[in-house]
PDB file of N, CA and C in Angstrom:
ATOM      1  N   MET A   1      22.874  40.713  75.662  1.00  0.00           N
ATOM      2  CA  MET A   1      23.917  40.362  74.723  1.00  0.00           C
ATOM      3  C   MET A   1      23.424  39.335  73.706  1.00  0.00           C
ATOM      4  N   ARG A   2      22.593  38.424  74.162  1.00  0.00           N
ATOM      5  CA  ARG A   2      22.060  37.401  73.260  1.00  0.00           C
ATOM      6  C   ARG A   2      21.221  38.043  72.165  1.00  0.00           C
ATOM      7  N   TYR A   3      20.489  39.100  72.524  1.00  0.00           N
ATOM      8  CA  TYR A   3      19.654  39.804  71.542  1.00  0.00           C
ATOM      9  C   TYR A   3      20.520  40.413  70.443  1.00  0.00           C
ATOM     10  N   VAL A   4      21.618  41.027  70.810  1.00  0.00           N
ATOM     11  CA  VAL A   4      22.508  41.664  69.835  1.00  0.00           C
ATOM     12  C   VAL A   4      23.091  40.621  68.886  1.00  0.00           C
ATOM     13  N   LEU A   5      23.513  39.476  69.429  1.00  0.00           N
ATOM     14  CA  LEU A   5      24.080  38.430  68.579  1.00  0.00           C
ATOM     15  C   LEU A   5      23.033  37.853  67.633  1.00  0.00           C
ATOM     16  N   THR A   6      21.796  37.750  68.093  1.00  0.00           N
ATOM     17  CA  THR A   6      20.725  37.250  67.236  1.00  0.00           C
ATOM     18  C   THR A   6      20.441  38.233  66.101  1.00  0.00           C
ATOM     19  N   VAL A   7      20.434  39.508  66.413  1.00  0.00           N
ATOM     20  CA  VAL A   7      20.213  40.526  65.375  1.00  0.00           C
ATOM     21  C   VAL A   7      21.356  40.509  64.363  1.00  0.00           C
ATOM     22  N   LEU A   8      22.590  40.324  64.836  1.00  0.00           N
ATOM     23  CA  LEU A   8      23.724  40.240  63.912  1.00  0.00           C
ATOM     24  C   LEU A   8      23.622  39.013  63.013  1.00  0.00           C
ATOM     25  N   ALA A   9      23.119  37.908  63.541  1.00  0.00           N
ATOM     26  CA  ALA A   9      22.933  36.708  62.724  1.00  0.00           C
ATOM     27  C   ALA A   9      21.869  36.960  61.657  1.00  0.00           C
ATOM     28  N   ILE A  10      20.820  37.669  62.004  1.00  0.00           N
ATOM     29  CA  ILE A  10      19.775  37.992  61.031  1.00  0.00           C
ATOM     30  C   ILE A  10      20.326  38.923  59.951  1.00  0.00           C
ATOM     31  N   LEU A  11      21.122  39.899  60.338  1.00  0.00           N
ATOM     32  CA  LEU A  11      21.722  40.802  59.356  1.00  0.00           C
ATOM     33  C   LEU A  11      22.700  40.068  58.445  1.00  0.00           C
ATOM     34  N   ALA A  12      23.469  39.140  59.004  1.00  0.00           N
ATOM     35  CA  ALA A  12      24.399  38.360  58.185  1.00  0.00           C
ATOM     36  C   ALA A  12      23.636  37.493  57.195  1.00  0.00           C
ATOM     37  N   THR A  13      22.491  36.960  57.613  1.00  0.00           N
ATOM     38  CA  THR A  13      21.661  36.181  56.701  1.00  0.00           C
ATOM     39  C   THR A  13      21.156  37.056  55.556  1.00  0.00           C
ATOM     40  N   ALA A  14      20.739  38.269  55.880  1.00  0.00           N
ATOM     41  CA  ALA A  14      20.261  39.179  54.842  1.00  0.00           C
ATOM     42  C   ALA A  14      21.382  39.544  53.862  1.00  0.00           C
ATOM     43  N   VAL A  15      22.580  39.758  54.368  1.00  0.00           N
ATOM     44  CA  VAL A  15      23.716  40.065  53.490  1.00  0.00           C
ATOM     45  C   VAL A  15      24.044  38.862  52.609  1.00  0.00           C
ATOM     46  N   GLY A  16      23.956  37.658  53.174  1.00  0.00           N
ATOM     47  CA  GLY A  16      24.201  36.452  52.390  1.00  0.00           C
ATOM     48  C   GLY A  16      23.188  36.272  51.280  1.00  0.00           C
ATOM     49  N   VAL A  17      21.932  36.532  51.584  1.00  0.00           N
ATOM     50  CA  VAL A  17      20.887  36.428  50.557  1.00  0.00           C
ATOM     51  C   VAL A  17      21.121  37.472  49.469  1.00  0.00           C
ATOM     52  N   ALA A  18      21.517  38.673  49.862  1.00  0.00           N
ATOM     53  CA  ALA A  18      21.819  39.702  48.867  1.00  0.00           C
ATOM     54  C   ALA A  18      22.999  39.278  47.995  1.00  0.00           C
ATOM     55  N   GLY A  19      23.993  38.625  48.591  1.00  0.00           N
ATOM     56  CA  GLY A  19      25.122  38.128  47.817  1.00  0.00           C
ATOM     57  C   GLY A  19      24.705  37.067  46.818  1.00  0.00           C
ATOM     58  N   ILE A  20      23.798  36.192  47.229  1.00  0.00           N
ATOM     59  CA  ILE A  20      23.295  35.161  46.317  1.00  0.00           C
ATOM     60  C   ILE A  20      22.559  35.810  45.149  1.00  0.00           C
ATOM     61  N   VAL A  21      21.713  36.775  45.448  1.00  0.00           N
ATOM     62  CA  VAL A  21      20.930  37.438  44.396  1.00  0.00           C
ATOM     63  C   VAL A  21      21.845  38.198  43.432  1.00  0.00           C
ATOM     64  N   HIS A  22      22.807  38.941  43.966  1.00  0.00           N
ATOM     65  CA  HIS A  22      23.701  39.697  43.099  1.00  0.00           C
ATOM     66  C   HIS A  22      24.634  38.775  42.323  1.00  0.00           C
ATOM     67  N   GLY A  23      25.008  37.657  42.925  1.00  0.00           N
ATOM     68  CA  GLY A  23      25.828  36.696  42.204  1.00  0.00           C
ATOM     69  C   GLY A  23      25.076  36.055  41.053  1.00  0.00           C
ATOM     70  N   GLU A  24      23.792  35.837  41.250  1.00  0.00           N
ATOM     71  CA  GLU A  24      22.959  35.281  40.176  1.00  0.00           C
ATOM     72  C   GLU A  24      22.810  36.286  39.033  1.00  0.00           C
ATOM     73  N   ALA A  25      22.632  37.542  39.369  1.00  0.00           N
ATOM     74  CA  ALA A  25      22.449  38.569  38.338  1.00  0.00           C
ATOM     75  C   ALA A  25      23.741  38.785  37.545  1.00  0.00           C
ATOM     76  N   ASP A  26      24.870  38.640  38.207  1.00  0.00           N
ATOM     77  CA  ASP A  26      26.159  38.884  37.572  1.00  0.00           C
ATOM     78  C   ASP A  26      26.778  37.597  37.039  1.00  0.00           C
ATOM     79  N   ASP A  27      26.105  36.461  37.237  1.00  0.00           N
ATOM     80  CA  ASP A  27      26.587  35.145  36.813  1.00  0.00           C
ATOM     81  C   ASP A  27      27.940  34.831  37.456  1.00  0.00           C
ATOM     82  N   SER A  28      27.998  35.048  38.766  1.00  0.00           N
ATOM     83  CA  SER A  28      29.235  34.848  39.513  1.00  0.00           C
ATOM     84  C   SER A  28      29.044  33.704  40.519  1.00  0.00           C
ATOM     85  N   PRO A  29      29.527  32.504  40.184  1.00  0.00           N
ATOM     86  CA  PRO A  29      29.328  31.373  41.092  1.00  0.00           C
ATOM     87  C   PRO A  29      30.083  31.539  42.411  1.00  0.00           C
ATOM     88  N   GLY A  30      31.196  32.265  42.395  1.00  0.00           N
ATOM     89  CA  GLY A  30      31.955  32.478  43.629  1.00  0.00           C
ATOM     90  C   GLY A  30      31.178  33.313  44.631  1.00  0.00           C
ATOM     91  N   LEU A  31      30.537  34.354  44.155  1.00  0.00           N
ATOM     92  CA  LEU A  31      29.740  35.200  45.037  1.00  0.00           C
ATOM     93  C   LEU A  31      28.534  34.442  45.565  1.00  0.00           C
ATOM     94  N   GLN A  32      27.941  33.611  44.743  1.00  0.00           N
ATOM     95  CA  GLN A  32      26.818  32.802  45.203  1.00  0.00           C
ATOM     96  C   GLN A  32      27.261  31.833  46.286  1.00  0.00           C
ATOM     97  N   LEU A  33      28.422  31.213  46.110  1.00  0.00           N
ATOM     98  CA  LEU A  33      28.938  30.272  47.109  1.00  0.00           C
ATOM     99  C   LEU A  33      29.240  30.976  48.425  1.00  0.00           C
ATOM    100  N   LEU A  34      29.838  32.156  48.353  1.00  0.00           N
ATOM    101  CA  LEU A  34      30.090  32.916  49.578  1.00  0.00           C
ATOM    102  C   LEU A  34      28.786  33.307  50.268  1.00  0.00           C
ATOM    103  N   GLY A  35      27.781  33.672  49.490  1.00  0.00           N
ATOM    104  CA  GLY A  35      26.487  34.011  50.065  1.00  0.00           C
ATOM    105  C   GLY A  35      25.846  32.827  50.752  1.00  0.00           C
ATOM    106  N   VAL A  36      25.911  31.663  50.121  1.00  0.00           N
ATOM    107  CA  VAL A  36      25.338  30.449  50.721  1.00  0.00           C
ATOM    108  C   VAL A  36      26.089  30.092  52.003  1.00  0.00           C
ATOM    109  N   ALA A  37      27.419  30.182  51.968  1.00  0.00           N
ATOM    110  CA  ALA A  37      28.211  29.879  53.162  1.00  0.00           C
ATOM    111  C   ALA A  37      27.884  30.841  54.298  1.00  0.00           C
ATOM    112  N   LEU A  38      27.691  32.107  53.968  1.00  0.00           N
ATOM    113  CA  LEU A  38      27.346  33.100  54.989  1.00  0.00           C
ATOM    114  C   LEU A  38      25.970  32.827  55.569  1.00  0.00           C
ATOM    115  N   VAL A  39      25.006  32.474  54.738  1.00  0.00           N
ATOM    116  CA  VAL A  39      23.662  32.174  55.220  1.00  0.00           C
ATOM    117  C   VAL A  39      23.689  30.943  56.126  1.00  0.00           C
ATOM    118  N   ILE A  40      24.359  29.880  55.696  1.00  0.00           N
ATOM    119  CA  ILE A  40      24.399  28.657  56.501  1.00  0.00           C
ATOM    120  C   ILE A  40      25.092  28.918  57.834  1.00  0.00           C
ATOM    121  N   GLY A  41      26.198  29.636  57.804  1.00  0.00           N
ATOM    122  CA  GLY A  41      26.903  29.949  59.045  1.00  0.00           C
ATOM    123  C   GLY A  41      26.086  30.825  59.976  1.00  0.00           C
ATOM    124  N   ALA A  42      25.404  31.821  59.435  1.00  0.00           N
ATOM    125  CA  ALA A  42      24.603  32.712  60.271  1.00  0.00           C
ATOM    126  C   ALA A  42      23.402  31.992  60.872  1.00  0.00           C
ATOM    127  N   VAL A  43      22.774  31.111  60.103  1.00  0.00           N
ATOM    128  CA  VAL A  43      21.630  30.358  60.630  1.00  0.00           C
ATOM    129  C   VAL A  43      22.096  29.410  61.726  1.00  0.00           C
ATOM    130  N   ALA A  44      23.207  28.727  61.508  1.00  0.00           N
ATOM    131  CA  ALA A  44      23.733  27.817  62.529  1.00  0.00           C
ATOM    132  C   ALA A  44      24.113  28.587  63.791  1.00  0.00           C
ATOM    133  N   PHE A  45      24.760  29.731  63.634  1.00  0.00           N
ATOM    134  CA  PHE A  45      25.123  30.551  64.786  1.00  0.00           C
ATOM    135  C   PHE A  45      23.887  31.062  65.513  1.00  0.00           C
ATOM    136  N   GLY A  46      22.888  31.502  64.757  1.00  0.00           N
ATOM    137  CA  GLY A  46      21.661  32.004  65.382  1.00  0.00           C
ATOM    138  C   GLY A  46      20.924  30.931  66.143  1.00  0.00           C
ATOM    139  N   ILE A  47      20.840  29.733  65.582  1.00  0.00           N
ATOM    140  CA  ILE A  47      20.160  28.637  66.282  1.00  0.00           C
ATOM    141  C   ILE A  47      20.922  28.268  67.540  1.00  0.00           C
ATOM    142  N   ARG A  48      22.246  28.189  67.448  1.00  0.00           N
ATOM    143  CA  ARG A  48      23.046  27.851  68.630  1.00  0.00           C
ATOM    144  C   ARG A  48      22.910  28.924  69.698  1.00  0.00           C
ATOM    145  N   ASN A  49      22.830  30.174  69.281  1.00  0.00           N
ATOM    146  CA  ASN A  49      22.704  31.279  70.218  1.00  0.00           C
ATOM    147  C   ASN A  49      21.344  31.267  70.909  1.00  0.00           C
ATOM    148  N   VAL A  50      20.287  30.994  70.166  1.00  0.00           N
ATOM    149  CA  VAL A  50      18.942  30.980  70.745  1.00  0.00           C
ATOM    150  C   VAL A  50      18.771  29.800  71.699  1.00  0.00           C
ATOM    151  N   ARG A  51      19.351  28.645  71.332  1.00  0.00           N
ATOM    152  CA  ARG A  51      19.219  27.457  72.167  1.00  0.00           C
ATOM    153  C   ARG A  51      20.101  27.515  73.397  1.00  0.00           C
ATOM    154  N   GLY A  52      21.050  28.438  73.439  1.00  0.00           N
ATOM    155  CA  GLY A  52      21.889  28.601  74.621  1.00  0.00           C
ATOM    156  C   GLY A  52      23.139  27.743  74.619  1.00  0.00           C
ATOM    157  N   GLY A  53      23.573  27.288  73.466  1.00  0.00           N
ATOM    158  CA  GLY A  53      24.792  26.488  73.382  1.00  0.00           C
ATOM    159  C   GLY A  53      26.030  27.336  73.589  1.00  0.00           C
ATOM    160  N   SER A  54      27.115  26.691  73.909  1.00  0.00           N
ATOM    161  CA  SER A  54      28.350  27.433  74.153  1.00  0.00           C
ATOM    162  C   SER A  54      29.288  27.388  72.980  1.00  0.00           C
TER     163      SER A  54
END
Protein backbone atom coordinates (compact mmCIF):
# COMPACT_ATOMS: atom_id res chain seq x y z
CA MET A 1 0.00 0.00 0.00
CA ARG A 2 2.86 2.36 0.76
CA TYR A 3 4.20 1.82 -2.77
CA VAL A 4 0.88 2.83 -4.33
CA LEU A 5 0.68 6.00 -2.24
CA THR A 6 4.25 6.92 -3.16
CA VAL A 7 3.50 6.46 -6.86
CA LEU A 8 0.38 8.63 -6.50
CA ALA A 9 2.48 11.35 -4.84
CA ILE A 10 4.93 11.22 -7.74
CA LEU A 11 2.09 11.47 -10.26
CA ALA A 12 0.56 14.40 -8.37
CA THR A 13 3.94 16.13 -8.46
CA ALA A 14 4.12 15.61 -12.22
CA VAL A 15 0.61 17.03 -12.67
CA GLY A 16 1.55 20.03 -10.52
CA VAL A 17 4.66 20.70 -12.59
CA ALA A 18 2.57 20.46 -15.76
CA GLY A 19 0.13 22.96 -14.25
CA ILE A 20 2.97 25.36 -13.50
CA VAL A 21 4.32 25.06 -17.05
CA HIS A 22 0.92 25.51 -18.68
CA GLY A 23 0.11 28.40 -16.38
CA GLU A 24 3.33 30.10 -17.40
CA ALA A 25 2.58 29.62 -21.10
CA ASP A 26 -0.96 30.95 -20.70
CA ASP A 27 0.08 33.73 -18.26
CA SER A 28 -2.30 32.39 -15.63
CA PRO A 29 -1.09 33.08 -12.08
CA GLY A 30 -3.97 31.08 -10.59
CA LEU A 31 -2.98 27.91 -12.40
CA GLN A 32 0.63 28.40 -11.39
CA LEU A 33 -0.39 28.80 -7.74
CA LEU A 34 -2.50 25.65 -7.87
CA GLY A 35 0.40 23.78 -9.44
CA VAL A 36 2.81 24.96 -6.75
CA ALA A 37 0.34 24.02 -4.01
CA LEU A 38 -0.12 20.57 -5.54
CA VAL A 39 3.64 20.01 -5.80
CA ILE A 40 4.28 21.12 -2.21
CA GLY A 41 1.43 18.98 -0.89
CA ALA A 42 2.49 15.92 -2.87
CA VAL A 43 6.13 16.22 -1.79
CA ALA A 44 5.12 16.62 1.86
CA PHE A 45 2.77 13.64 1.61
CA GLY A 46 5.40 11.53 -0.13
CA ILE A 47 8.06 12.32 2.47
CA ARG A 48 5.66 11.58 5.32
CA ASN A 49 4.65 8.33 3.64
CA VAL A 50 8.23 7.17 3.07
CA ARG A 51 9.29 8.06 6.62
CA GLY A 52 6.35 6.11 8.04
CA GLY A 53 4.49 8.97 9.72
CA SER A 54 0.83 8.69 10.53
